[in-house]
Amino acid sequence: MPKYMFVYHGGTKPDTPEEGQKVMGEWMAWYGAMGAAVLDGGGPAGMSKTVSQSGVADDGGANPVSGLTIVEAADQDAACEMARGCPMVKDGSGSVEVAEIIQM
């Protein structure tokens, strides 16, 4: 079965420990609903740098990555349907880029 990257953009950092627990609960419920399809839960990303031929930019680009998860799905449409359940998508604070991992 094909594997897909869920690359997260956006989202917000919880303001309080209680808010953090609530958000983590939402993510764990989403992962639980996907079950064995979650191959690597990944996690949040720190500050990114963009490396190009012209040098290194400290700003992470126009739409910096905020995290990553690896899932298994029948096809990209099925993976996109899974991504719709992401807490960041549901609350409107971020988006999920879904890309197939091409086996070489």
N, C-alpha and C. Protein backbone atom coordinates (compact mmCIF):
# COMPACT_ATOMS: atom_id res chain seq x y z
N MET A 1 0.85 -1.18 0.00
CA MET A 1 0.00 0.00 0.00
C MET A 1 0.90 1.24 0.00
N PRO A 2 0.53 2.28 -0.75
CA PRO A 2 1.35 3.49 -0.82
C PRO A 2 1.43 4.23 0.52
N LYS A 3 2.55 4.94 0.68
CA LYS A 3 2.76 5.76 1.87
C LYS A 3 2.68 7.23 1.45
N TYR A 4 2.19 8.04 2.40
CA TYR A 4 2.01 9.47 2.14
C TYR A 4 2.57 10.29 3.29
N MET A 5 3.12 11.44 2.93
CA MET A 5 3.56 12.42 3.93
C MET A 5 2.42 13.38 4.17
N PHE A 6 2.13 13.63 5.42
CA PHE A 6 1.27 14.75 5.80
C PHE A 6 2.24 15.82 6.28
N VAL A 7 2.37 16.88 5.52
CA VAL A 7 3.26 17.98 5.89
C VAL A 7 2.37 19.12 6.38
N TYR A 8 2.55 19.48 7.63
CA TYR A 8 1.69 20.48 8.26
C TYR A 8 2.25 21.88 8.08
N HIS A 9 1.34 22.81 7.86
CA HIS A 9 1.67 24.23 7.74
C HIS A 9 0.72 24.99 8.65
N GLY A 10 1.26 25.88 9.46
CA GLY A 10 0.42 26.69 10.33
C GLY A 10 0.19 26.03 11.66
N GLY A 11 -0.97 26.30 12.22
CA GLY A 11 -1.29 25.83 13.56
C GLY A 11 -0.90 26.89 14.58
N THR A 12 -1.30 26.67 15.80
CA THR A 12 -0.97 27.61 16.87
C THR A 12 -0.40 26.84 18.06
N LYS A 13 0.45 27.50 18.80
CA LYS A 13 1.03 26.90 20.00
C LYS A 13 0.08 27.17 21.16
N PRO A 14 -0.23 26.13 21.95
CA PRO A 14 -1.14 26.33 23.09
C PRO A 14 -0.59 27.36 24.08
N ASP A 15 -1.48 28.16 24.65
CA ASP A 15 -1.09 29.21 25.60
C ASP A 15 -0.90 28.71 27.02
N THR A 16 -1.59 27.61 27.37
CA THR A 16 -1.53 27.10 28.74
C THR A 16 -1.30 25.59 28.71
N PRO A 17 -0.85 25.01 29.83
CA PRO A 17 -0.72 23.55 29.88
C PRO A 17 -2.06 22.84 29.65
N GLU A 18 -3.14 23.42 30.13
CA GLU A 18 -4.46 22.83 29.95
C GLU A 18 -4.84 22.81 28.46
N GLU A 19 -4.57 23.92 27.81
CA GLU A 19 -4.82 24.01 26.36
C GLU A 19 -3.95 22.99 25.63
N GLY A 20 -2.70 22.84 26.06
CA GLY A 20 -1.80 21.86 25.46
C GLY A 20 -2.34 20.44 25.60
N GLN A 21 -2.88 20.11 26.76
CA GLN A 21 -3.46 18.78 26.97
C GLN A 21 -4.68 18.56 26.07
N LYS A 22 -5.48 19.59 25.93
CA LYS A 22 -6.67 19.50 25.07
C LYS A 22 -6.26 19.25 23.63
N VAL A 23 -5.29 20.03 23.14
CA VAL A 23 -4.82 19.90 21.76
C VAL A 23 -4.20 18.52 21.55
N MET A 24 -3.35 18.08 22.49
CA MET A 24 -2.73 16.76 22.36
C MET A 24 -3.79 15.67 22.34
N GLY A 25 -4.84 15.82 23.13
CA GLY A 25 -5.94 14.86 23.12
C GLY A 25 -6.62 14.78 21.76
N GLU A 26 -6.80 15.95 21.12
CA GLU A 26 -7.42 15.98 19.79
C GLU A 26 -6.54 15.26 18.77
N TRP A 27 -5.23 15.51 18.84
CA TRP A 27 -4.30 14.84 17.91
C TRP A 27 -4.28 13.34 18.15
N MET A 28 -4.25 12.92 19.41
CA MET A 28 -4.21 11.50 19.71
C MET A 28 -5.52 10.81 19.29
N ALA A 29 -6.64 11.50 19.42
CA ALA A 29 -7.92 10.94 18.97
C ALA A 29 -7.92 10.78 17.46
N TRP A 30 -7.37 11.76 16.75
CA TRP A 30 -7.29 11.68 15.29
C TRP A 30 -6.38 10.52 14.88
N TYR A 31 -5.21 10.43 15.50
CA TYR A 31 -4.30 9.31 15.21
C TYR A 31 -4.99 7.99 15.52
N GLY A 32 -5.71 7.91 16.63
CA GLY A 32 -6.41 6.70 17.01
C GLY A 32 -7.45 6.31 15.98
N ALA A 33 -8.15 7.29 15.44
CA ALA A 33 -9.17 7.02 14.42
C ALA A 33 -8.54 6.46 13.14
N MET A 34 -7.31 6.86 12.84
CA MET A 34 -6.62 6.36 11.64
C MET A 34 -5.98 5.00 11.91
N GLY A 35 -5.78 4.66 13.17
CA GLY A 35 -5.26 3.34 13.55
C GLY A 35 -3.92 3.00 12.94
N ALA A 36 -3.83 1.78 12.39
CA ALA A 36 -2.58 1.26 11.84
C ALA A 36 -2.11 2.01 10.60
N ALA A 37 -2.95 2.86 10.03
CA ALA A 37 -2.53 3.65 8.86
C ALA A 37 -1.43 4.64 9.22
N VAL A 38 -1.34 5.02 10.51
CA VAL A 38 -0.28 5.94 10.94
C VAL A 38 1.00 5.12 11.12
N LEU A 39 1.93 5.29 10.20
CA LEU A 39 3.19 4.55 10.25
C LEU A 39 4.22 5.24 11.11
N ASP A 40 4.21 6.57 11.09
CA ASP A 40 5.13 7.37 11.91
C ASP A 40 4.40 8.65 12.28
N GLY A 41 4.08 8.79 13.56
CA GLY A 41 3.35 9.97 14.03
C GLY A 41 4.13 11.26 13.87
N GLY A 42 5.43 11.16 13.61
CA GLY A 42 6.24 12.36 13.41
C GLY A 42 6.12 13.29 14.59
N GLY A 43 5.91 14.54 14.32
CA GLY A 43 5.77 15.52 15.38
C GLY A 43 5.91 16.93 14.86
N PRO A 44 5.86 17.89 15.78
CA PRO A 44 6.01 19.28 15.39
C PRO A 44 7.42 19.56 14.91
N ALA A 45 7.55 20.57 14.08
CA ALA A 45 8.86 20.99 13.58
C ALA A 45 9.27 22.30 14.24
N GLY A 46 10.56 22.43 14.47
CA GLY A 46 11.10 23.68 14.99
C GLY A 46 11.34 24.66 13.85
N MET A 47 12.00 25.75 14.17
CA MET A 47 12.32 26.77 13.19
C MET A 47 13.08 26.15 12.02
N SER A 48 12.63 26.41 10.81
CA SER A 48 13.29 25.86 9.64
C SER A 48 14.10 26.92 8.91
N LYS A 49 15.05 26.45 8.14
CA LYS A 49 15.85 27.29 7.27
C LYS A 49 15.67 26.77 5.86
N THR A 50 15.74 27.64 4.89
CA THR A 50 15.59 27.25 3.50
C THR A 50 16.95 27.37 2.82
N VAL A 51 17.42 26.26 2.28
CA VAL A 51 18.72 26.22 1.61
C VAL A 51 18.49 26.23 0.10
N SER A 52 19.11 27.16 -0.57
CA SER A 52 19.02 27.25 -2.03
C SER A 52 20.40 27.60 -2.58
N GLN A 53 20.49 27.64 -3.88
CA GLN A 53 21.76 27.97 -4.53
C GLN A 53 22.27 29.35 -4.09
N SER A 54 21.37 30.25 -3.76
CA SER A 54 21.77 31.60 -3.37
C SER A 54 22.13 31.72 -1.89
N GLY A 55 21.96 30.65 -1.12
CA GLY A 55 22.34 30.71 0.29
C GLY A 55 21.32 30.07 1.21
N VAL A 56 21.36 30.49 2.48
CA VAL A 56 20.48 29.95 3.50
C VAL A 56 19.63 31.09 4.07
N ALA A 57 18.31 30.90 4.02
CA ALA A 57 17.38 31.88 4.57
C ALA A 57 16.87 31.34 5.90
N ASP A 58 16.83 32.20 6.91
CA ASP A 58 16.41 31.81 8.25
C ASP A 58 14.90 31.84 8.47
N ASP A 59 14.12 32.21 7.47
CA ASP A 59 12.70 32.44 7.68
C ASP A 59 11.79 31.25 7.41
N GLY A 60 12.34 30.14 6.95
CA GLY A 60 11.51 28.97 6.66
C GLY A 60 10.67 29.08 5.41
N GLY A 61 10.84 30.12 4.63
CA GLY A 61 10.10 30.27 3.39
C GLY A 61 8.73 30.91 3.58
N ALA A 62 7.98 30.94 2.51
CA ALA A 62 6.68 31.60 2.51
C ALA A 62 5.64 30.87 3.35
N ASN A 63 5.76 29.56 3.46
CA ASN A 63 4.78 28.77 4.20
C ASN A 63 5.52 27.69 4.99
N PRO A 64 6.16 28.07 6.10
CA PRO A 64 7.03 27.13 6.81
C PRO A 64 6.32 25.87 7.28
N VAL A 65 7.07 24.80 7.30
CA VAL A 65 6.58 23.51 7.77
C VAL A 65 6.44 23.57 9.29
N SER A 66 5.33 23.04 9.82
CA SER A 66 5.16 23.01 11.27
C SER A 66 5.14 21.59 11.83
N GLY A 67 5.19 20.58 10.95
CA GLY A 67 5.24 19.20 11.42
C GLY A 67 5.09 18.21 10.29
N LEU A 68 5.15 16.92 10.63
CA LEU A 68 5.13 15.86 9.63
C LEU A 68 4.57 14.58 10.24
N THR A 69 3.82 13.82 9.45
CA THR A 69 3.34 12.49 9.80
C THR A 69 3.42 11.63 8.55
N ILE A 70 3.71 10.33 8.71
CA ILE A 70 3.72 9.39 7.59
C ILE A 70 2.55 8.42 7.79
N VAL A 71 1.72 8.28 6.74
CA VAL A 71 0.58 7.36 6.79
C VAL A 71 0.60 6.43 5.60
N GLU A 72 -0.22 5.41 5.68
CA GLU A 72 -0.42 4.47 4.59
C GLU A 72 -1.88 4.58 4.18
N ALA A 73 -2.13 4.64 2.87
CA ALA A 73 -3.51 4.76 2.38
C ALA A 73 -3.61 4.10 1.01
N ALA A 74 -4.80 3.72 0.62
CA ALA A 74 -5.03 3.06 -0.66
C ALA A 74 -4.62 3.94 -1.84
N ASP A 75 -4.89 5.23 -1.73
CA ASP A 75 -4.52 6.17 -2.79
C ASP A 75 -4.51 7.59 -2.21
N GLN A 76 -4.16 8.57 -3.04
CA GLN A 76 -4.04 9.94 -2.53
C GLN A 76 -5.38 10.50 -2.09
N ASP A 77 -6.44 10.14 -2.77
CA ASP A 77 -7.77 10.61 -2.34
C ASP A 77 -8.09 10.11 -0.94
N ALA A 78 -7.76 8.84 -0.66
CA ALA A 78 -8.00 8.29 0.68
C ALA A 78 -7.13 9.00 1.71
N ALA A 79 -5.88 9.30 1.34
CA ALA A 79 -4.99 10.01 2.26
C ALA A 79 -5.52 11.42 2.52
N CYS A 80 -6.02 12.08 1.49
CA CYS A 80 -6.59 13.43 1.67
C CYS A 80 -7.81 13.38 2.58
N GLU A 81 -8.62 12.36 2.44
CA GLU A 81 -9.79 12.21 3.30
C GLU A 81 -9.35 12.05 4.75
N MET A 82 -8.28 11.28 4.98
CA MET A 82 -7.75 11.13 6.33
C MET A 82 -7.27 12.48 6.85
N ALA A 83 -6.60 13.25 6.01
CA ALA A 83 -6.04 14.55 6.42
C ALA A 83 -7.13 15.54 6.81
N ARG A 84 -8.33 15.38 6.29
CA ARG A 84 -9.43 16.29 6.64
C ARG A 84 -9.75 16.25 8.14
N GLY A 85 -9.40 15.14 8.79
CA GLY A 85 -9.66 15.01 10.23
C GLY A 85 -8.61 15.67 11.11
N CYS A 86 -7.56 16.22 10.52
CA CYS A 86 -6.49 16.85 11.29
C CYS A 86 -7.05 17.99 12.14
N PRO A 87 -6.68 18.04 13.41
CA PRO A 87 -7.18 19.12 14.27
C PRO A 87 -6.91 20.53 13.72
N MET A 88 -5.76 20.74 13.08
CA MET A 88 -5.47 22.07 12.52
C MET A 88 -6.40 22.41 11.37
N VAL A 89 -6.77 21.41 10.59
CA VAL A 89 -7.71 21.63 9.48
C VAL A 89 -9.09 21.92 10.05
N LYS A 90 -9.49 21.13 11.03
CA LYS A 90 -10.83 21.28 11.61
C LYS A 90 -11.03 22.63 12.29
N ASP A 91 -9.96 23.15 12.97
CA ASP A 91 -10.14 24.44 13.65
C ASP A 91 -9.73 25.63 12.77
N GLY A 92 -9.25 25.35 11.54
CA GLY A 92 -8.92 26.42 10.60
C GLY A 92 -7.58 27.10 10.84
N SER A 93 -6.76 26.57 11.76
CA SER A 93 -5.50 27.23 12.07
C SER A 93 -4.34 26.81 11.17
N GLY A 94 -4.55 25.80 10.32
CA GLY A 94 -3.46 25.33 9.47
C GLY A 94 -3.96 24.47 8.34
N SER A 95 -3.01 23.90 7.60
CA SER A 95 -3.33 23.06 6.46
C SER A 95 -2.41 21.85 6.45
N VAL A 96 -2.79 20.85 5.66
CA VAL A 96 -2.00 19.63 5.51
C VAL A 96 -1.71 19.42 4.03
N GLU A 97 -0.44 19.37 3.70
CA GLU A 97 -0.02 19.03 2.35
C GLU A 97 0.12 17.52 2.31
N VAL A 98 -0.49 16.87 1.33
CA VAL A 98 -0.46 15.40 1.23
C VAL A 98 0.31 15.02 -0.03
N ALA A 99 1.43 14.30 0.17
CA ALA A 99 2.26 13.89 -0.97
C ALA A 99 2.63 12.43 -0.83
N GLU A 100 2.54 11.70 -1.94
CA GLU A 100 2.93 10.29 -1.93
C GLU A 100 4.45 10.19 -1.82
N ILE A 101 4.88 9.21 -1.04
CA ILE A 101 6.31 8.90 -0.95
C ILE A 101 6.58 7.88 -2.06
N ILE A 102 7.31 8.29 -3.06
CA ILE A 102 7.59 7.44 -4.21
C ILE A 102 8.68 6.44 -3.85
N GLN A 103 8.38 5.16 -4.02
CA GLN A 103 9.36 4.11 -3.74
C GLN A 103 10.31 4.00 -4.92
N MET A 104 11.57 4.07 -4.63
CA MET A 104 12.60 4.00 -5.68
C MET A 104 13.21 2.62 -5.72
